[in-house]
Amino acid sequence: MLLMFAVVDIAGSQVRVEKGHTLRVPKLASETGSQQRFSNVLLVSDAGKTNTGKPFVEGAAVEATIIGHGRGDKVIVFKMKRRKKYRRRNGHRQDFTEIRVDEITSPG
């Protein structure tokens, strides 16, 4: 059984999505529980039939529900130059939005 999936451009990141999947994307400026529609679909595949866009597929869209917002794990950035007494330690936590894909619409 071949599943329907799409590759979507969400906030500058290309993400492969399937119906019912939950994923983390870069932070979106929307409220929790709201519906979001992504029309920048780069590729749609349904039962082995693939439709690619130039650059986007006309008439294709992905509907998703925003589950929540959060921050990722801390990443430590450490810089050092040996024998020079130079050390810098910095931490970073990336903001994200968690979404659940509700529907993928393909053209035709």
N, C-alpha and C. Protein backbone atom coordinates (compact mmCIF):
# COMPACT_ATOMS: atom_id res chain seq x y z
N MET A 1 0.84 -1.18 0.00
CA MET A 1 0.00 0.00 0.00
C MET A 1 0.89 1.25 0.00
N LEU A 2 0.73 2.07 -1.00
CA LEU A 2 1.50 3.29 -1.10
C LEU A 2 0.73 4.44 -0.46
N LEU A 3 1.41 5.19 0.36
CA LEU A 3 0.78 6.30 1.06
C LEU A 3 0.91 7.59 0.27
N MET A 4 0.02 8.52 0.58
CA MET A 4 0.10 9.84 -0.02
C MET A 4 1.00 10.71 0.86
N PHE A 5 1.96 11.36 0.22
CA PHE A 5 2.82 12.28 0.96
C PHE A 5 3.11 13.49 0.11
N ALA A 6 3.64 14.53 0.76
CA ALA A 6 3.98 15.76 0.07
C ALA A 6 5.25 16.33 0.68
N VAL A 7 5.96 17.11 -0.12
CA VAL A 7 7.11 17.87 0.36
C VAL A 7 6.69 19.34 0.32
N VAL A 8 6.74 19.98 1.50
CA VAL A 8 6.20 21.33 1.66
C VAL A 8 7.29 22.26 2.16
N ASP A 9 7.26 23.51 1.71
CA ASP A 9 8.15 24.55 2.21
C ASP A 9 7.42 25.26 3.35
N ILE A 10 7.90 25.03 4.59
CA ILE A 10 7.29 25.65 5.77
C ILE A 10 8.35 26.49 6.45
N ALA A 11 8.15 27.79 6.45
CA ALA A 11 9.05 28.75 7.12
C ALA A 11 10.49 28.57 6.69
N GLY A 12 10.72 28.33 5.40
CA GLY A 12 12.06 28.20 4.88
C GLY A 12 12.66 26.81 4.96
N SER A 13 11.94 25.84 5.52
CA SER A 13 12.42 24.47 5.60
C SER A 13 11.56 23.56 4.74
N GLN A 14 12.20 22.65 4.01
CA GLN A 14 11.47 21.68 3.21
C GLN A 14 11.22 20.44 4.05
N VAL A 15 9.94 20.07 4.21
CA VAL A 15 9.54 18.99 5.10
C VAL A 15 8.69 17.99 4.34
N ARG A 16 8.95 16.68 4.56
CA ARG A 16 8.12 15.62 3.98
C ARG A 16 7.02 15.32 4.98
N VAL A 17 5.76 15.43 4.54
CA VAL A 17 4.62 15.24 5.45
C VAL A 17 3.69 14.16 4.92
N GLU A 18 3.03 13.48 5.85
CA GLU A 18 1.98 12.51 5.55
C GLU A 18 0.78 12.84 6.43
N LYS A 19 -0.38 12.41 6.03
CA LYS A 19 -1.59 12.67 6.79
C LYS A 19 -1.52 11.99 8.16
N GLY A 20 -1.82 12.74 9.22
CA GLY A 20 -1.81 12.20 10.56
C GLY A 20 -0.48 12.32 11.29
N HIS A 21 0.59 12.70 10.60
CA HIS A 21 1.88 12.81 11.25
C HIS A 21 1.99 14.09 12.06
N THR A 22 2.75 14.01 13.15
CA THR A 22 3.04 15.17 13.98
C THR A 22 4.51 15.51 13.79
N LEU A 23 4.82 16.79 13.56
CA LEU A 23 6.21 17.17 13.34
C LEU A 23 6.49 18.54 13.88
N ARG A 24 7.78 18.81 14.05
CA ARG A 24 8.24 20.12 14.53
C ARG A 24 8.82 20.91 13.37
N VAL A 25 8.37 22.15 13.26
CA VAL A 25 8.83 23.05 12.21
C VAL A 25 9.33 24.33 12.87
N PRO A 26 10.08 25.17 12.14
CA PRO A 26 10.48 26.45 12.73
C PRO A 26 9.27 27.25 13.19
N LYS A 27 9.45 28.08 14.18
CA LYS A 27 8.34 28.76 14.85
C LYS A 27 7.46 29.56 13.88
N LEU A 28 6.16 29.34 14.01
CA LEU A 28 5.15 30.05 13.23
C LEU A 28 4.41 31.02 14.13
N ALA A 29 3.97 32.15 13.57
CA ALA A 29 3.28 33.17 14.34
C ALA A 29 1.77 32.91 14.30
N SER A 30 1.34 31.80 14.89
CA SER A 30 -0.08 31.45 14.96
C SER A 30 -0.37 30.89 16.34
N GLU A 31 -1.63 30.93 16.73
CA GLU A 31 -2.01 30.47 18.06
C GLU A 31 -2.20 28.96 18.09
N THR A 32 -2.08 28.41 19.28
CA THR A 32 -2.28 26.97 19.48
C THR A 32 -3.73 26.61 19.19
N GLY A 33 -3.95 25.53 18.46
CA GLY A 33 -5.29 25.08 18.12
C GLY A 33 -5.83 25.63 16.81
N SER A 34 -5.13 26.58 16.21
CA SER A 34 -5.61 27.17 14.97
C SER A 34 -5.23 26.31 13.78
N GLN A 35 -5.98 26.47 12.70
CA GLN A 35 -5.71 25.75 11.46
C GLN A 35 -4.74 26.56 10.62
N GLN A 36 -3.82 25.87 9.96
CA GLN A 36 -2.84 26.52 9.10
C GLN A 36 -2.88 25.84 7.74
N ARG A 37 -2.82 26.64 6.68
CA ARG A 37 -2.83 26.10 5.32
C ARG A 37 -1.51 26.47 4.65
N PHE A 38 -0.81 25.45 4.16
CA PHE A 38 0.47 25.65 3.48
C PHE A 38 0.27 25.35 2.00
N SER A 39 0.48 26.36 1.16
CA SER A 39 0.26 26.19 -0.28
C SER A 39 1.56 26.08 -1.06
N ASN A 40 2.70 26.21 -0.39
CA ASN A 40 3.99 26.08 -1.05
C ASN A 40 4.40 24.61 -1.11
N VAL A 41 3.67 23.83 -1.90
CA VAL A 41 3.91 22.40 -2.02
C VAL A 41 4.85 22.16 -3.20
N LEU A 42 5.97 21.50 -2.93
CA LEU A 42 6.97 21.26 -3.96
C LEU A 42 6.73 19.95 -4.70
N LEU A 43 6.15 18.95 -4.00
CA LEU A 43 5.95 17.64 -4.60
C LEU A 43 4.78 16.96 -3.91
N VAL A 44 3.95 16.26 -4.70
CA VAL A 44 2.84 15.47 -4.16
C VAL A 44 2.92 14.09 -4.80
N SER A 45 2.85 13.05 -3.97
CA SER A 45 2.86 11.68 -4.46
C SER A 45 1.64 10.96 -3.89
N ASP A 46 0.82 10.38 -4.80
CA ASP A 46 -0.39 9.68 -4.38
C ASP A 46 -0.45 8.35 -5.14
N ALA A 47 -0.33 7.25 -4.40
CA ALA A 47 -0.40 5.90 -4.96
C ALA A 47 0.61 5.70 -6.10
N GLY A 48 1.83 6.20 -5.90
CA GLY A 48 2.87 6.02 -6.90
C GLY A 48 2.86 7.05 -8.01
N LYS A 49 1.86 7.88 -8.06
CA LYS A 49 1.76 8.93 -9.08
C LYS A 49 2.33 10.22 -8.48
N THR A 50 3.45 10.67 -9.03
CA THR A 50 4.16 11.82 -8.47
C THR A 50 3.92 13.06 -9.32
N ASN A 51 3.70 14.18 -8.63
CA ASN A 51 3.45 15.46 -9.27
C ASN A 51 4.44 16.46 -8.70
N THR A 52 5.39 16.94 -9.50
CA THR A 52 6.37 17.91 -9.04
C THR A 52 6.04 19.29 -9.59
N GLY A 53 6.42 20.30 -8.83
CA GLY A 53 6.13 21.67 -9.22
C GLY A 53 7.33 22.38 -9.77
N LYS A 54 7.08 23.52 -10.40
CA LYS A 54 8.14 24.35 -10.98
C LYS A 54 7.90 25.80 -10.58
N PRO A 55 8.15 26.28 -9.41
CA PRO A 55 8.69 25.58 -8.26
C PRO A 55 7.62 24.92 -7.38
N PHE A 56 6.34 25.37 -7.48
CA PHE A 56 5.29 24.81 -6.63
C PHE A 56 4.23 24.11 -7.47
N VAL A 57 3.54 23.16 -6.86
CA VAL A 57 2.47 22.43 -7.53
C VAL A 57 1.20 23.28 -7.45
N GLU A 58 0.63 23.59 -8.61
CA GLU A 58 -0.58 24.41 -8.67
C GLU A 58 -1.77 23.63 -8.11
N GLY A 59 -2.52 24.25 -7.20
CA GLY A 59 -3.72 23.64 -6.66
C GLY A 59 -3.50 22.67 -5.52
N ALA A 60 -2.26 22.44 -5.13
CA ALA A 60 -1.97 21.53 -4.02
C ALA A 60 -1.80 22.34 -2.73
N ALA A 61 -2.23 21.75 -1.62
CA ALA A 61 -2.11 22.41 -0.32
C ALA A 61 -2.07 21.37 0.78
N VAL A 62 -1.57 21.79 1.93
CA VAL A 62 -1.51 20.94 3.11
C VAL A 62 -2.20 21.68 4.24
N GLU A 63 -3.19 21.01 4.86
CA GLU A 63 -3.91 21.58 6.01
C GLU A 63 -3.32 20.97 7.27
N ALA A 64 -3.04 21.82 8.28
CA ALA A 64 -2.45 21.34 9.53
C ALA A 64 -3.05 22.10 10.71
N THR A 65 -3.01 21.45 11.87
CA THR A 65 -3.45 22.06 13.12
C THR A 65 -2.22 22.30 13.99
N ILE A 66 -2.15 23.49 14.58
CA ILE A 66 -1.02 23.81 15.45
C ILE A 66 -1.30 23.23 16.83
N ILE A 67 -0.42 22.34 17.28
CA ILE A 67 -0.57 21.68 18.57
C ILE A 67 0.02 22.54 19.69
N GLY A 68 1.17 23.13 19.44
CA GLY A 68 1.80 23.95 20.48
C GLY A 68 3.13 24.51 20.03
N HIS A 69 3.69 25.35 20.90
CA HIS A 69 4.99 25.96 20.65
C HIS A 69 5.94 25.51 21.75
N GLY A 70 7.23 25.55 21.46
CA GLY A 70 8.21 25.14 22.45
C GLY A 70 9.61 25.54 22.06
N ARG A 71 10.56 25.06 22.86
CA ARG A 71 11.97 25.31 22.58
C ARG A 71 12.71 23.98 22.62
N GLY A 72 13.63 23.83 21.72
CA GLY A 72 14.39 22.58 21.61
C GLY A 72 15.44 22.45 22.70
N ASP A 73 16.18 21.36 22.65
CA ASP A 73 17.25 21.11 23.60
C ASP A 73 18.37 22.13 23.42
N LYS A 74 19.09 22.37 24.50
CA LYS A 74 20.17 23.33 24.44
C LYS A 74 21.36 22.75 23.67
N VAL A 75 21.91 23.57 22.79
CA VAL A 75 23.11 23.22 22.05
C VAL A 75 24.22 24.14 22.55
N ILE A 76 25.33 23.55 22.97
CA ILE A 76 26.46 24.33 23.48
C ILE A 76 27.42 24.64 22.34
N VAL A 77 27.76 25.92 22.19
CA VAL A 77 28.73 26.37 21.20
C VAL A 77 29.99 26.74 21.97
N PHE A 78 31.08 26.03 21.74
CA PHE A 78 32.32 26.26 22.47
C PHE A 78 33.44 26.58 21.48
N LYS A 79 34.06 27.74 21.69
CA LYS A 79 35.18 28.14 20.84
C LYS A 79 36.44 28.21 21.70
N MET A 80 37.55 27.78 21.13
CA MET A 80 38.80 27.79 21.89
C MET A 80 39.98 27.90 20.94
N LYS A 81 40.96 28.69 21.35
CA LYS A 81 42.23 28.74 20.64
C LYS A 81 43.32 28.32 21.63
N ARG A 82 43.97 27.25 21.32
CA ARG A 82 44.93 26.71 22.27
C ARG A 82 46.12 27.66 22.47
N ARG A 83 46.60 27.67 23.68
CA ARG A 83 47.76 28.46 24.12
C ARG A 83 47.54 29.97 24.03
N LYS A 84 46.31 30.43 23.81
CA LYS A 84 46.06 31.87 23.67
C LYS A 84 45.12 32.41 24.76
N LYS A 85 44.70 31.55 25.70
CA LYS A 85 43.77 31.91 26.76
C LYS A 85 42.46 32.47 26.19
N TYR A 86 42.03 31.87 25.08
CA TYR A 86 40.78 32.29 24.45
C TYR A 86 39.78 31.14 24.54
N ARG A 87 38.72 31.34 25.30
CA ARG A 87 37.64 30.36 25.41
C ARG A 87 36.31 31.09 25.48
N ARG A 88 35.37 30.66 24.68
CA ARG A 88 34.03 31.25 24.69
C ARG A 88 33.02 30.11 24.72
N ARG A 89 32.08 30.18 25.64
CA ARG A 89 31.04 29.16 25.77
C ARG A 89 29.70 29.85 25.64
N ASN A 90 28.87 29.34 24.74
CA ASN A 90 27.58 29.96 24.48
C ASN A 90 26.55 28.85 24.29
N GLY A 91 25.32 29.09 24.71
CA GLY A 91 24.25 28.12 24.54
C GLY A 91 23.16 28.68 23.66
N HIS A 92 22.42 27.77 23.01
CA HIS A 92 21.35 28.19 22.11
C HIS A 92 20.20 27.19 22.17
N ARG A 93 18.97 27.69 22.24
CA ARG A 93 17.78 26.84 22.17
C ARG A 93 16.89 27.38 21.05
N GLN A 94 16.60 26.53 20.08
CA GLN A 94 15.81 26.93 18.91
C GLN A 94 14.32 26.83 19.22
N ASP A 95 13.56 27.85 18.84
CA ASP A 95 12.10 27.83 18.99
C ASP A 95 11.50 26.97 17.89
N PHE A 96 10.40 26.27 18.21
CA PHE A 96 9.73 25.44 17.22
C PHE A 96 8.22 25.49 17.44
N THR A 97 7.49 25.06 16.42
CA THR A 97 6.05 24.88 16.48
C THR A 97 5.75 23.45 16.12
N GLU A 98 4.92 22.80 16.92
CA GLU A 98 4.54 21.41 16.66
C GLU A 98 3.19 21.42 15.95
N ILE A 99 3.14 20.75 14.79
CA ILE A 99 1.90 20.70 13.99
C ILE A 99 1.50 19.27 13.72
N ARG A 100 0.20 19.07 13.47
CA ARG A 100 -0.33 17.77 13.05
C ARG A 100 -0.97 17.96 11.68
N VAL A 101 -0.57 17.14 10.72
CA VAL A 101 -1.06 17.25 9.36
C VAL A 101 -2.45 16.60 9.29
N ASP A 102 -3.46 17.38 8.87
CA ASP A 102 -4.83 16.90 8.81
C ASP A 102 -5.19 16.40 7.42
N GLU A 103 -4.75 17.11 6.39
CA GLU A 103 -5.19 16.76 5.03
C GLU A 103 -4.17 17.24 4.01
N ILE A 104 -4.00 16.45 2.96
CA ILE A 104 -3.17 16.82 1.82
C ILE A 104 -4.08 16.81 0.60
N THR A 105 -4.18 17.97 -0.06
CA THR A 105 -5.00 18.05 -1.27
C THR A 105 -4.09 18.15 -2.47
N SER A 106 -4.34 17.31 -3.46
CA SER A 106 -3.54 17.32 -4.68
C SER A 106 -4.39 17.88 -5.82
N PRO A 107 -3.78 18.42 -6.84
CA PRO A 107 -4.54 18.97 -7.94
C PRO A 107 -5.20 17.85 -8.76
N GLY A 108 -6.39 18.14 -9.23
CA GLY A 108 -7.09 17.19 -10.09
C GLY A 108 -7.70 16.11 -9.40
